C-alpha atoms as a PDB file:
ATOM      1  CA  MET A   1      48.280 -16.436 -22.890  1.00  0.00           C
ATOM      2  CA  THR A   2      45.321 -14.896 -21.112  1.00  0.00           C
ATOM      3  CA  ASP A   3      45.150 -11.653 -19.135  1.00  0.00           C
ATOM      4  CA  TRP A   4      42.603 -12.958 -16.610  1.00  0.00           C
ATOM      5  CA  LEU A   5      40.285 -15.882 -15.946  1.00  0.00           C
ATOM      6  CA  ALA A   6      36.504 -15.786 -15.515  1.00  0.00           C
ATOM      7  CA  VAL A   7      35.296 -18.787 -13.498  1.00  0.00           C
ATOM      8  CA  ASP A   8      31.820 -20.178 -12.825  1.00  0.00           C
ATOM      9  CA  TRP A   9      32.286 -22.932 -10.227  1.00  0.00           C
ATOM     10  CA  GLY A  10      29.107 -24.877  -9.609  1.00  0.00           C
ATOM     11  CA  THR A  11      28.296 -27.935  -7.540  1.00  0.00           C
ATOM     12  CA  SER A  12      28.829 -30.366 -10.410  1.00  0.00           C
ATOM     13  CA  HIS A  13      30.812 -28.477 -13.033  1.00  0.00           C
ATOM     14  CA  LEU A  14      33.650 -25.995 -13.472  1.00  0.00           C
ATOM     15  CA  ARG A  15      33.610 -23.525 -16.357  1.00  0.00           C
ATOM     16  CA  VAL A  16      36.531 -21.233 -17.153  1.00  0.00           C
ATOM     17  CA  TRP A  17      36.901 -18.544 -19.794  1.00  0.00           C
ATOM     18  CA  GLY A  18      40.322 -17.164 -20.708  1.00  0.00           C
ATOM     19  CA  MET A  19      39.873 -13.440 -21.194  1.00  0.00           C
ATOM     20  CA  SER A  20      41.716 -10.483 -22.686  1.00  0.00           C
ATOM     21  CA  ARG A  21      41.876  -7.131 -20.931  1.00  0.00           C
ATOM     22  CA  ALA A  22      39.395  -5.808 -23.474  1.00  0.00           C
ATOM     23  CA  GLY A  23      36.874  -8.511 -22.578  1.00  0.00           C
ATOM     24  CA  ALA A  24      37.349 -10.843 -25.547  1.00  0.00           C
ATOM     25  CA  VAL A  25      37.049 -14.577 -24.908  1.00  0.00           C
ATOM     26  CA  LYS A  26      40.256 -16.399 -25.865  1.00  0.00           C
ATOM     27  CA  PHE A  27      39.089 -19.855 -24.834  1.00  0.00           C
ATOM     28  CA  ARG A  28      36.417 -21.726 -22.881  1.00  0.00           C
ATOM     29  CA  LYS A  29      37.135 -24.893 -20.907  1.00  0.00           C
ATOM     30  CA  THR A  30      34.951 -27.086 -18.711  1.00  0.00           C
ATOM     31  CA  SER A  31      35.408 -30.021 -16.386  1.00  0.00           C
ATOM     32  CA  ASP A  32      33.423 -32.195 -13.984  1.00  0.00           C
ATOM     33  CA  ALA A  33      35.477 -30.934 -11.019  1.00  0.00           C
ATOM     34  CA  GLY A  34      32.517 -29.287  -9.359  1.00  0.00           C
ATOM     35  CA  MET A  35      32.453 -28.115  -5.753  1.00  0.00           C
ATOM     36  CA  GLY A  36      30.636 -31.276  -4.710  1.00  0.00           C
ATOM     37  CA  THR A  37      33.572 -33.468  -5.760  1.00  0.00           C
ATOM     38  CA  LEU A  38      36.364 -31.507  -4.061  1.00  0.00           C
ATOM     39  CA  THR A  39      37.874 -31.001  -0.637  1.00  0.00           C
ATOM     40  CA  ARG A  40      39.005 -27.488   0.238  1.00  0.00           C
ATOM     41  CA  ASP A  41      42.609 -28.186  -0.755  1.00  0.00           C
ATOM     42  CA  GLY A  42      41.488 -29.616  -4.097  1.00  0.00           C
ATOM     43  CA  PHE A  43      40.269 -26.409  -5.726  1.00  0.00           C
ATOM     44  CA  GLU A  44      43.613 -24.934  -6.725  1.00  0.00           C
ATOM     45  CA  PRO A  45      44.878 -28.211  -8.282  1.00  0.00           C
ATOM     46  CA  ALA A  46      41.560 -28.664 -10.127  1.00  0.00           C
ATOM     47  CA  LEU A  47      41.825 -25.180 -11.611  1.00  0.00           C
ATOM     48  CA  LEU A  48      45.467 -25.680 -12.589  1.00  0.00           C
ATOM     49  CA  ASP A  49      44.709 -29.064 -14.142  1.00  0.00           C
ATOM     50  CA  LEU A  50      42.183 -27.372 -16.405  1.00  0.00           C
ATOM     51  CA  VAL A  51      43.934 -24.129 -17.347  1.00  0.00           C
ATOM     52  CA  GLY A  52      47.443 -24.180 -15.883  1.00  0.00           C
ATOM     53  CA  ASP A  53      49.023 -24.458 -19.331  1.00  0.00           C
ATOM     54  CA  THR A  54      47.331 -21.201 -20.411  1.00  0.00           C
ATOM     55  CA  LEU A  55      48.914 -19.069 -17.672  1.00  0.00           C
ATOM     56  CA  GLY A  56      51.902 -16.840 -18.276  1.00  0.00           C
ATOM     57  CA  THR A  57      54.751 -16.205 -15.886  1.00  0.00           C
ATOM     58  CA  GLY A  58      53.065 -13.187 -14.301  1.00  0.00           C
ATOM     59  CA  THR A  59      50.079 -13.070 -11.967  1.00  0.00           C
ATOM     60  CA  SER A  60      46.641 -13.541 -13.542  1.00  0.00           C
ATOM     61  CA  PRO A  61      43.499 -12.244 -11.805  1.00  0.00           C
ATOM     62  CA  VAL A  62      40.906 -14.992 -11.401  1.00  0.00           C
ATOM     63  CA  ILE A  63      37.335 -13.902 -10.680  1.00  0.00           C
ATOM     64  CA  VAL A  64      35.103 -16.706  -9.415  1.00  0.00           C
ATOM     65  CA  CYS A  65      31.353 -16.929  -8.882  1.00  0.00           C
ATOM     66  CA  GLY A  66      29.194 -19.789  -7.677  1.00  0.00           C
ATOM     67  CA  MET A  67      29.547 -22.579  -5.163  1.00  0.00           C
ATOM     68  CA  ALA A  68      33.314 -22.244  -4.765  1.00  0.00           C
ATOM     69  CA  GLY A  69      32.347 -19.479  -2.346  1.00  0.00           C
ATOM     70  CA  SER A  70      30.047 -21.665  -0.248  1.00  0.00           C
ATOM     71  CA  ARG A  71      30.796 -22.881   3.265  1.00  0.00           C
ATOM     72  CA  GLN A  72      31.899 -26.210   1.770  1.00  0.00           C
ATOM     73  CA  GLY A  73      33.818 -24.562  -1.074  1.00  0.00           C
ATOM     74  CA  TRP A  74      37.274 -23.133  -1.659  1.00  0.00           C
ATOM     75  CA  ALA A  75      36.709 -20.298   0.794  1.00  0.00           C
ATOM     76  CA  GLU A  76      33.481 -18.940   2.179  1.00  0.00           C
ATOM     77  CA  ALA A  77      32.463 -15.676   0.556  1.00  0.00           C
ATOM     78  CA  LYS A  78      29.970 -14.104   2.951  1.00  0.00           C
ATOM     79  CA  TYR A  79      26.501 -13.190   1.745  1.00  0.00           C
ATOM     80  CA  MET A  80      25.428  -9.602   1.188  1.00  0.00           C
ATOM     81  CA  ALA A  81      22.005  -8.717   2.596  1.00  0.00           C
ATOM     82  CA  ALA A  82      19.186  -7.696   0.258  1.00  0.00           C
ATOM     83  CA  PRO A  83      18.148  -5.122  -0.680  1.00  0.00           C
ATOM     84  CA  CYS A  84      21.498  -4.542  -2.350  1.00  0.00           C
ATOM     85  CA  ALA A  85      23.119  -4.182  -5.713  1.00  0.00           C
ATOM     86  CA  PRO A  86      24.527  -7.478  -7.016  1.00  0.00           C
ATOM     87  CA  PRO A  87      27.802  -7.657  -5.053  1.00  0.00           C
ATOM     88  CA  GLY A  88      30.939  -6.942  -7.038  1.00  0.00           C
ATOM     89  CA  ILE A  89      34.682  -7.169  -6.726  1.00  0.00           C
ATOM     90  CA  ASP A  90      34.796  -4.747  -3.779  1.00  0.00           C
ATOM     91  CA  ARG A  91      32.987  -7.415  -1.713  1.00  0.00           C
ATOM     92  CA  ALA A  92      34.958 -10.382  -3.023  1.00  0.00           C
ATOM     93  CA  THR A  93      36.942 -12.767  -0.821  1.00  0.00           C
ATOM     94  CA  TYR A  94      40.642 -13.012  -1.664  1.00  0.00           C
ATOM     95  CA  VAL A  95      42.045 -16.549  -1.467  1.00  0.00           C
ATOM     96  CA  PRO A  96      45.817 -17.128  -1.018  1.00  0.00           C
ATOM     97  CA  THR A  97      47.302 -19.739  -3.357  1.00  0.00           C
ATOM     98  CA  ARG A  98      50.479 -21.766  -3.572  1.00  0.00           C
ATOM     99  CA  ASP A  99      50.900 -20.904  -7.249  1.00  0.00           C
ATOM    100  CA  ALA A 100      51.984 -17.268  -7.504  1.00  0.00           C
ATOM    101  CA  ARG A 101      50.454 -16.995 -10.983  1.00  0.00           C
ATOM    102  CA  LEU A 102      46.964 -17.023  -9.493  1.00  0.00           C
ATOM    103  CA  SER A 103      45.207 -14.111  -7.777  1.00  0.00           C
ATOM    104  CA  ILE A 104      41.839 -15.518  -6.692  1.00  0.00           C
ATOM    105  CA  HIS A 105      38.779 -13.355  -5.955  1.00  0.00           C
ATOM    106  CA  ILE A 106      35.508 -15.135  -5.076  1.00  0.00           C
ATOM    107  CA  LEU A 107      32.332 -13.085  -5.402  1.00  0.00           C
ATOM    108  CA  PRO A 108      29.790 -13.283  -2.552  1.00  0.00           C
ATOM    109  CA  GLY A 109      26.187 -14.412  -2.738  1.00  0.00           C
ATOM    110  CA  VAL A 110      23.076 -12.585  -1.549  1.00  0.00           C
ATOM    111  CA  LYS A 111      20.930 -13.390   1.498  1.00  0.00           C
ATOM    112  CA  GLN A 112      17.482 -12.389   2.677  1.00  0.00           C
ATOM    113  CA  THR A 113      16.511 -12.564   6.326  1.00  0.00           C
ATOM    114  CA  THR A 114      12.705 -12.648   6.091  1.00  0.00           C
ATOM    115  CA  PRO A 115      11.671 -14.961   4.611  1.00  0.00           C
ATOM    116  CA  ALA A 116      15.031 -16.688   4.903  1.00  0.00           C
ATOM    117  CA  ASP A 117      16.603 -17.194   1.492  1.00  0.00           C
ATOM    118  CA  VAL A 118      20.006 -17.256  -0.230  1.00  0.00           C
ATOM    119  CA  MET A 119      21.450 -17.197  -3.717  1.00  0.00           C
ATOM    120  CA  ARG A 120      24.988 -17.933  -4.861  1.00  0.00           C
ATOM    121  CA  GLY A 121      25.891 -17.574  -8.516  1.00  0.00           C
ATOM    122  CA  GLU A 122      22.572 -16.163  -9.699  1.00  0.00           C
ATOM    123  CA  GLU A 123      23.544 -12.716  -8.406  1.00  0.00           C
ATOM    124  CA  THR A 124      26.402 -12.671 -10.934  1.00  0.00           C
ATOM    125  CA  GLN A 125      23.961 -13.482 -13.747  1.00  0.00           C
ATOM    126  CA  ILE A 126      21.742 -10.659 -12.499  1.00  0.00           C
ATOM    127  CA  ALA A 127      24.768  -8.352 -12.488  1.00  0.00           C
ATOM    128  CA  GLY A 128      25.483  -9.363 -16.081  1.00  0.00           C
ATOM    129  CA  PHE A 129      21.906  -8.700 -17.139  1.00  0.00           C
ATOM    130  CA  LEU A 130      21.921  -5.286 -15.459  1.00  0.00           C
ATOM    131  CA  SER A 131      25.239  -4.374 -17.072  1.00  0.00           C
ATOM    132  CA  LEU A 132      23.500  -4.812 -20.430  1.00  0.00           C
ATOM    133  CA  ASN A 133      20.137  -3.394 -19.256  1.00  0.00           C
ATOM    134  CA  PRO A 134      21.011  -0.732 -16.646  1.00  0.00           C
ATOM    135  CA  LYS A 135      17.525   0.823 -16.616  1.00  0.00           C
ATOM    136  CA  PHE A 136      15.675  -2.454 -16.069  1.00  0.00           C
ATOM    137  CA  ASP A 137      12.982  -2.446 -13.397  1.00  0.00           C
ATOM    138  CA  GLY A 138      10.949  -5.601 -13.029  1.00  0.00           C
ATOM    139  CA  ILE A 139      11.377  -9.272 -12.274  1.00  0.00           C
ATOM    140  CA  ILE A 140      14.237 -11.572 -13.182  1.00  0.00           C
ATOM    141  CA  CYS A 141      13.341 -15.257 -13.014  1.00  0.00           C
ATOM    142  CA  LEU A 142      16.200 -17.754 -13.045  1.00  0.00           C
ATOM    143  CA  PRO A 143      14.736 -21.228 -13.698  1.00  0.00           C
ATOM    144  CA  GLY A 144      16.860 -24.132 -12.555  1.00  0.00           C
ATOM    145  CA  THR A 145      17.216 -26.752  -9.873  1.00  0.00           C
ATOM    146  CA  HIS A 146      16.307 -24.025  -7.399  1.00  0.00           C
ATOM    147  CA  THR A 147      14.401 -21.374  -9.336  1.00  0.00           C
ATOM    148  CA  LYS A 148      14.832 -17.762  -8.210  1.00  0.00           C
ATOM    149  CA  TRP A 149      12.371 -14.891  -8.581  1.00  0.00           C
ATOM    150  CA  ALA A 150      14.138 -11.578  -7.980  1.00  0.00           C
ATOM    151  CA  HIS A 151      12.522  -8.141  -7.789  1.00  0.00           C
ATOM    152  CA  ILE A 152      14.882  -5.623  -9.374  1.00  0.00           C
ATOM    153  CA  SER A 153      14.560  -1.858  -8.935  1.00  0.00           C
ATOM    154  CA  ALA A 154      17.069   0.980  -9.302  1.00  0.00           C
ATOM    155  CA  GLY A 155      19.869  -1.500  -9.930  1.00  0.00           C
ATOM    156  CA  GLU A 156      19.226  -3.440  -6.719  1.00  0.00           C
ATOM    157  CA  ILE A 157      17.950  -6.866  -5.775  1.00  0.00           C
ATOM    158  CA  VAL A 158      15.042  -5.696  -3.630  1.00  0.00           C
ATOM    159  CA  SER A 159      13.793  -9.146  -2.611  1.00  0.00           C
ATOM    160  CA  PHE A 160      13.760 -12.696  -3.918  1.00  0.00           C
ATOM    161  CA  ARG A 161      12.221 -16.122  -3.396  1.00  0.00           C
ATOM    162  CA  THR A 162      13.556 -19.571  -4.214  1.00  0.00           C
ATOM    163  CA  PHE A 163      11.441 -22.536  -5.325  1.00  0.00           C
ATOM    164  CA  MET A 164      12.799 -26.101  -5.348  1.00  0.00           C
ATOM    165  CA  THR A 165      10.704 -26.917  -8.411  1.00  0.00           C
ATOM    166  CA  GLY A 166      13.566 -28.248 -10.528  1.00  0.00           C
ATOM    167  CA  GLU A 167      14.854 -30.496  -7.765  1.00  0.00           C
ATOM    168  CA  MET A 168      11.349 -31.755  -7.028  1.00  0.00           C
ATOM    169  CA  PHE A 169      10.875 -32.599 -10.709  1.00  0.00           C
ATOM    170  CA  ALA A 170      14.161 -34.513 -10.788  1.00  0.00           C
ATOM    171  CA  LEU A 171      13.384 -36.433  -7.616  1.00  0.00           C
ATOM    172  CA  LEU A 172       9.826 -37.295  -8.605  1.00  0.00           C
ATOM    173  CA  SER A 173      10.651 -38.261 -12.194  1.00  0.00           C
ATOM    174  CA  GLN A 174      13.723 -40.313 -11.300  1.00  0.00           C
ATOM    175  CA  GLN A 175      13.264 -41.669  -7.775  1.00  0.00           C
ATOM    176  CA  SER A 176       9.549 -41.748  -6.939  1.00  0.00           C
ATOM    177  CA  VAL A 177       6.782 -44.054  -8.100  1.00  0.00           C
ATOM    178  CA  LEU A 178       6.335 -41.659 -11.043  1.00  0.00           C
ATOM    179  CA  ARG A 179       9.639 -42.807 -12.527  1.00  0.00           C
ATOM    180  CA  HIS A 180       7.762 -45.713 -14.119  1.00  0.00           C
ATOM    181  CA  THR A 181       5.316 -43.359 -15.839  1.00  0.00           C
ATOM    182  CA  ALA A 182       7.388 -40.274 -16.721  1.00  0.00           C
ATOM    183  CA  ALA A 183      10.493 -42.002 -18.057  1.00  0.00           C
ATOM    184  CA  GLY A 184      12.516 -40.666 -20.966  1.00  0.00           C
ATOM    185  CA  ASP A 185      12.792 -37.092 -22.216  1.00  0.00           C
ATOM    186  CA  GLY A 186       9.622 -36.788 -24.282  1.00  0.00           C
ATOM    187  CA  TRP A 187       7.374 -33.757 -24.132  1.00  0.00           C
ATOM    188  CA  ASP A 188       3.753 -32.866 -24.860  1.00  0.00           C
ATOM    189  CA  ALA A 189       3.158 -29.128 -25.061  1.00  0.00           C
ATOM    190  CA  GLU A 190      -0.618 -29.392 -24.769  1.00  0.00           C
ATOM    191  CA  ALA A 191      -0.423 -31.588 -21.665  1.00  0.00           C
ATOM    192  CA  PHE A 192       2.059 -29.143 -20.137  1.00  0.00           C
ATOM    193  CA  ALA A 193      -0.183 -26.121 -20.751  1.00  0.00           C
ATOM    194  CA  GLU A 194      -3.218 -27.864 -19.255  1.00  0.00           C
ATOM    195  CA  ALA A 195      -1.231 -28.957 -16.203  1.00  0.00           C
ATOM    196  CA  VAL A 196       0.140 -25.444 -15.621  1.00  0.00           C
ATOM    197  CA  SER A 197      -3.408 -24.089 -15.612  1.00  0.00           C
ATOM    198  CA  THR A 198      -4.523 -26.825 -13.205  1.00  0.00           C
ATOM    199  CA  GLY A 199      -1.519 -26.319 -10.924  1.00  0.00           C
ATOM    200  CA  MET A 200      -2.127 -22.580 -10.760  1.00  0.00           C
ATOM    201  CA  SER A 201      -5.838 -22.807 -10.066  1.00  0.00           C
ATOM    202  CA  ASN A 202      -5.681 -25.708  -7.583  1.00  0.00           C
ATOM    203  CA  PRO A 203      -2.242 -25.771  -5.911  1.00  0.00           C
ATOM    204  CA  ALA A 204      -3.677 -27.243  -2.697  1.00  0.00           C
ATOM    205  CA  ASP A 205      -4.340 -30.637  -4.290  1.00  0.00           C
ATOM    206  CA  LEU A 206      -0.931 -30.893  -5.966  1.00  0.00           C
ATOM    207  CA  ALA A 207       0.045 -34.100  -4.143  1.00  0.00           C
ATOM    208  CA  ALA A 208      -3.163 -35.853  -5.202  1.00  0.00           C
ATOM    209  CA  ARG A 209      -2.835 -34.770  -8.839  1.00  0.00           C
ATOM    210  CA  LEU A 210       0.754 -36.003  -8.903  1.00  0.00           C
ATOM    211  CA  PHE A 211      -0.351 -39.492  -7.905  1.00  0.00           C
ATOM    212  CA  SER A 212      -3.054 -39.384 -10.559  1.00  0.00           C
ATOM    213  CA  ILE A 213      -0.266 -39.319 -13.141  1.00  0.00           C
ATOM    214  CA  ARG A 214       0.800 -42.748 -11.926  1.00  0.00           C
ATOM    215  CA  ALA A 215      -2.777 -44.013 -11.806  1.00  0.00           C
ATOM    216  CA  GLU A 216      -3.479 -42.873 -15.368  1.00  0.00           C
ATOM    217  CA  GLY A 217      -0.374 -44.672 -16.490  1.00  0.00           C
ATOM    218  CA  LEU A 218      -1.678 -47.898 -14.994  1.00  0.00           C
ATOM    219  CA  LEU A 219      -5.317 -47.571 -15.979  1.00  0.00           C
ATOM    220  CA  ASN A 220      -5.299 -45.580 -19.222  1.00  0.00           C
ATOM    221  CA  ASP A 221      -1.808 -46.156 -20.645  1.00  0.00           C
ATOM    222  CA  LEU A 222      -0.871 -42.479 -20.266  1.00  0.00           C
ATOM    223  CA  HIS A 223       2.033 -41.826 -22.648  1.00  0.00           C
ATOM    224  CA  ALA A 224       5.370 -41.078 -20.976  1.00  0.00           C
ATOM    225  CA  ALA A 225       5.747 -37.770 -22.821  1.00  0.00           C
ATOM    226  CA  GLN A 226       2.339 -36.634 -21.560  1.00  0.00           C
ATOM    227  CA  ALA A 227       3.132 -37.821 -18.038  1.00  0.00           C
ATOM    228  CA  ARG A 228       6.457 -35.990 -17.994  1.00  0.00           C
ATOM    229  CA  ALA A 229       4.940 -32.769 -19.325  1.00  0.00           C
ATOM    230  CA  ARG A 230       2.049 -33.011 -16.865  1.00  0.00           C
ATOM    231  CA  LEU A 231       4.436 -33.497 -13.942  1.00  0.00           C
ATOM    232  CA  SER A 232       6.438 -30.449 -14.973  1.00  0.00           C
ATOM    233  CA  GLY A 233       3.307 -28.389 -15.606  1.00  0.00           C
ATOM    234  CA  LEU A 234       1.740 -29.151 -12.248  1.00  0.00           C
ATOM    235  CA  LEU A 235       4.935 -28.218 -10.395  1.00  0.00           C
ATOM    236  CA  ILE A 236       5.533 -25.041 -12.381  1.00  0.00           C
ATOM    237  CA  GLY A 237       1.861 -24.116 -12.090  1.00  0.00           C
ATOM    238  CA  ALA A 238       1.977 -24.437  -8.299  1.00  0.00           C
ATOM    239  CA  GLU A 239       5.154 -22.333  -8.301  1.00  0.00           C
ATOM    240  CA  LEU A 240       3.535 -19.607 -10.410  1.00  0.00           C
ATOM    241  CA  ALA A 241       0.567 -19.540  -8.054  1.00  0.00           C
ATOM    242  CA  ALA A 242       2.879 -18.936  -5.098  1.00  0.00           C
ATOM    243  CA  ALA A 243       5.087 -16.469  -7.008  1.00  0.00           C
ATOM    244  CA  ARG A 244       2.141 -14.433  -8.319  1.00  0.00           C
ATOM    245  CA  PRO A 245       3.054 -11.373  -6.168  1.00  0.00           C
ATOM    246  CA  TYR A 246       6.337 -11.251  -8.078  1.00  0.00           C
ATOM    247  CA  TRP A 247       5.219 -11.621 -11.679  1.00  0.00           C
ATOM    248  CA  LEU A 248       1.648 -10.288 -11.785  1.00  0.00           C
ATOM    249  CA  GLY A 249       1.589  -7.169 -13.972  1.00  0.00           C
ATOM    250  CA  GLN A 250       5.382  -7.163 -14.327  1.00  0.00           C
ATOM    251  CA  HIS A 251       7.891  -7.430 -17.136  1.00  0.00           C
ATOM    252  CA  VAL A 252       9.788 -10.699 -16.600  1.00  0.00           C
ATOM    253  CA  ALA A 253      13.274 -11.536 -17.857  1.00  0.00           C
ATOM    254  CA  LEU A 254      14.297 -15.201 -17.845  1.00  0.00           C
ATOM    255  CA  ILE A 255      17.880 -16.363 -17.313  1.00  0.00           C
ATOM    256  CA  GLY A 256      18.600 -20.076 -17.480  1.00  0.00           C
ATOM    257  CA  ASP A 257      18.745 -23.235 -19.568  1.00  0.00           C
ATOM    258  CA  ASP A 258      17.043 -22.619 -22.908  1.00  0.00           C
ATOM    259  CA  LYS A 259      14.684 -25.616 -22.718  1.00  0.00           C
ATOM    260  CA  LEU A 260      13.609 -24.809 -19.172  1.00  0.00           C
ATOM    261  CA  CYS A 261      13.222 -21.111 -19.947  1.00  0.00           C
ATOM    262  CA  LYS A 262      10.928 -22.004 -22.840  1.00  0.00           C
ATOM    263  CA  ALA A 263       8.683 -23.908 -20.436  1.00  0.00           C
ATOM    264  CA  TYR A 264       8.495 -20.902 -18.110  1.00  0.00           C
ATOM    265  CA  SER A 265       8.027 -18.549 -21.058  1.00  0.00           C
ATOM    266  CA  ASP A 266       5.103 -20.642 -22.336  1.00  0.00           C
ATOM    267  CA  ALA A 267       3.566 -20.791 -18.856  1.00  0.00           C
ATOM    268  CA  LEU A 268       3.889 -17.050 -18.262  1.00  0.00           C
ATOM    269  CA  GLY A 269       2.880 -16.194 -21.803  1.00  0.00           C
ATOM    270  CA  ALA A 270      -0.425 -17.980 -21.221  1.00  0.00           C
ATOM    271  CA  GLN A 271      -1.015 -15.403 -18.453  1.00  0.00           C
ATOM    272  CA  GLY A 272      -0.505 -12.570 -20.940  1.00  0.00           C
ATOM    273  CA  LEU A 273       2.885 -11.541 -19.561  1.00  0.00           C
ATOM    274  CA  PRO A 274       5.637 -10.002 -21.705  1.00  0.00           C
ATOM    275  CA  VAL A 275       8.647 -12.293 -21.226  1.00  0.00           C
ATOM    276  CA  GLU A 276      12.242 -11.699 -22.276  1.00  0.00           C
ATOM    277  CA  ARG A 277      14.509 -14.719 -22.696  1.00  0.00           C
ATOM    278  CA  THR A 278      18.262 -14.355 -22.374  1.00  0.00           C
ATOM    279  CA  ASP A 279      21.385 -16.504 -22.678  1.00  0.00           C
ATOM    280  CA  ALA A 280      22.418 -17.750 -19.231  1.00  0.00           C
ATOM    281  CA  GLU A 281      26.078 -18.298 -20.036  1.00  0.00           C
ATOM    282  CA  ARG A 282      26.384 -14.841 -21.519  1.00  0.00           C
ATOM    283  CA  MET A 283      24.815 -13.273 -18.421  1.00  0.00           C
ATOM    284  CA  THR A 284      27.294 -15.125 -16.186  1.00  0.00           C
ATOM    285  CA  LEU A 285      30.231 -13.989 -18.274  1.00  0.00           C
ATOM    286  CA  GLU A 286      28.970 -10.393 -18.446  1.00  0.00           C
ATOM    287  CA  GLY A 287      28.672 -10.362 -14.661  1.00  0.00           C
ATOM    288  CA  LEU A 288      32.246 -11.607 -14.262  1.00  0.00           C
ATOM    289  CA  LYS A 289      33.441  -9.063 -16.830  1.00  0.00           C
ATOM    290  CA  ALA A 290      31.739  -6.273 -14.875  1.00  0.00           C
ATOM    291  CA  ALA A 291      33.601  -7.398 -11.739  1.00  0.00           C
ATOM    292  CA  TYR A 292      36.908  -7.418 -13.620  1.00  0.00           C
ATOM    293  CA  ALA A 293      36.267  -3.906 -14.950  1.00  0.00           C
ATOM    294  CA  ARG A 294      35.919  -2.674 -11.370  1.00  0.00           C
ATOM    295  CA  LEU A 295      39.102  -4.530 -10.413  1.00  0.00           C
ATOM    296  CA  LYS A 296      40.981  -2.740 -13.191  1.00  0.00           C
ATOM    297  CA  GLU A 297      39.592   0.614 -12.055  1.00  0.00           C
ATOM    298  CA  SER A 298      40.705   0.033  -8.464  1.00  0.00           C
ATOM    299  CA  ALA A 299      44.207  -0.899  -9.609  1.00  0.00           C
ATOM    300  CA  GLN A 300      44.679   2.333 -11.562  1.00  0.00           C
END
C-alpha cells in the first residue's frame, strides 16, 4: 500500500505515482481520463478506477497538479499572482470526497496581469527544478503545446510569457493546407536550423514563408521531412525572436518532452547560449514531493 499519491492531471491524460513517506516511487499508473474527458463529478471515480486497489483502509494524502485545478476541472484552484514563489501546499485547494480514504489537495497555478498570462502545471515543474537547484537564477523554458518562458530569481517566478507555438505547429501540420506537404514524422536537422535562422531574422513575413512550404512541395517536390522541419523551425524562430528579452545573455534550463527540448536546445545553441536539459516527469514529481514535504511539516 502507498503512503500518499502524487498526481499530474492534464487535459488528455492522468498520471499517478504511489509514493512512500520517504519519497520512493512504489508504482506509476496512467490513463486517458484527462480533464477534457470528465465532468466535475467524474474525477473521483476516475482516480479510484486507476488506483483504488492500491489504497489502504486509512486516509491517503493526494497532491494534484495540472488541469484538475482549472475552472472546468475537479475544483478550481485559484491562481497566485507573479512575482511569487511556485505555490505550494499552503495555497492548495482542499476537495471533499465521498471516499474517506482520499484527502485531495490541488495545487494552484500562477497568473500575470500585464501582459495577461497564466500557467497551470508548469509551476509545479518549476518548483521541482528549484528544489534540486535552489540557487538557480535565469530562465526556465518549458516547451510544449503552449511553451512557457519564465524568469526565475531568488526562488521566485518573476515574470513569464506563453507562446502557442506547439499548438500552431499541430494545427498547421494536421489541419491546414500544409498537411499535404508536412505529413509523417520525418525530420531534417539542416532544414530546421536554416528555418530557425530565417524565422528569427524575418518574423514579420512568417505567414508568407509558411505558404512557401506548400508551394515548394507542389513545384519542387519538397520532401516531407524537410517541410516538417522547416515548419517547426520557422515557428520556433519567430518565437525566439519575440522571446529574446528572456533568453538573451541568460542561462536557460529546458523542461519538457525530450524530442521537443532537443529542437529548442539546437535552436538556442546556435545562438551561443548555454542550455541545460532536464527530465520533465522528474521535475513534476519533485515538485509534488516538495509539496508533500511541506504537508508533513504542517502536520507535525
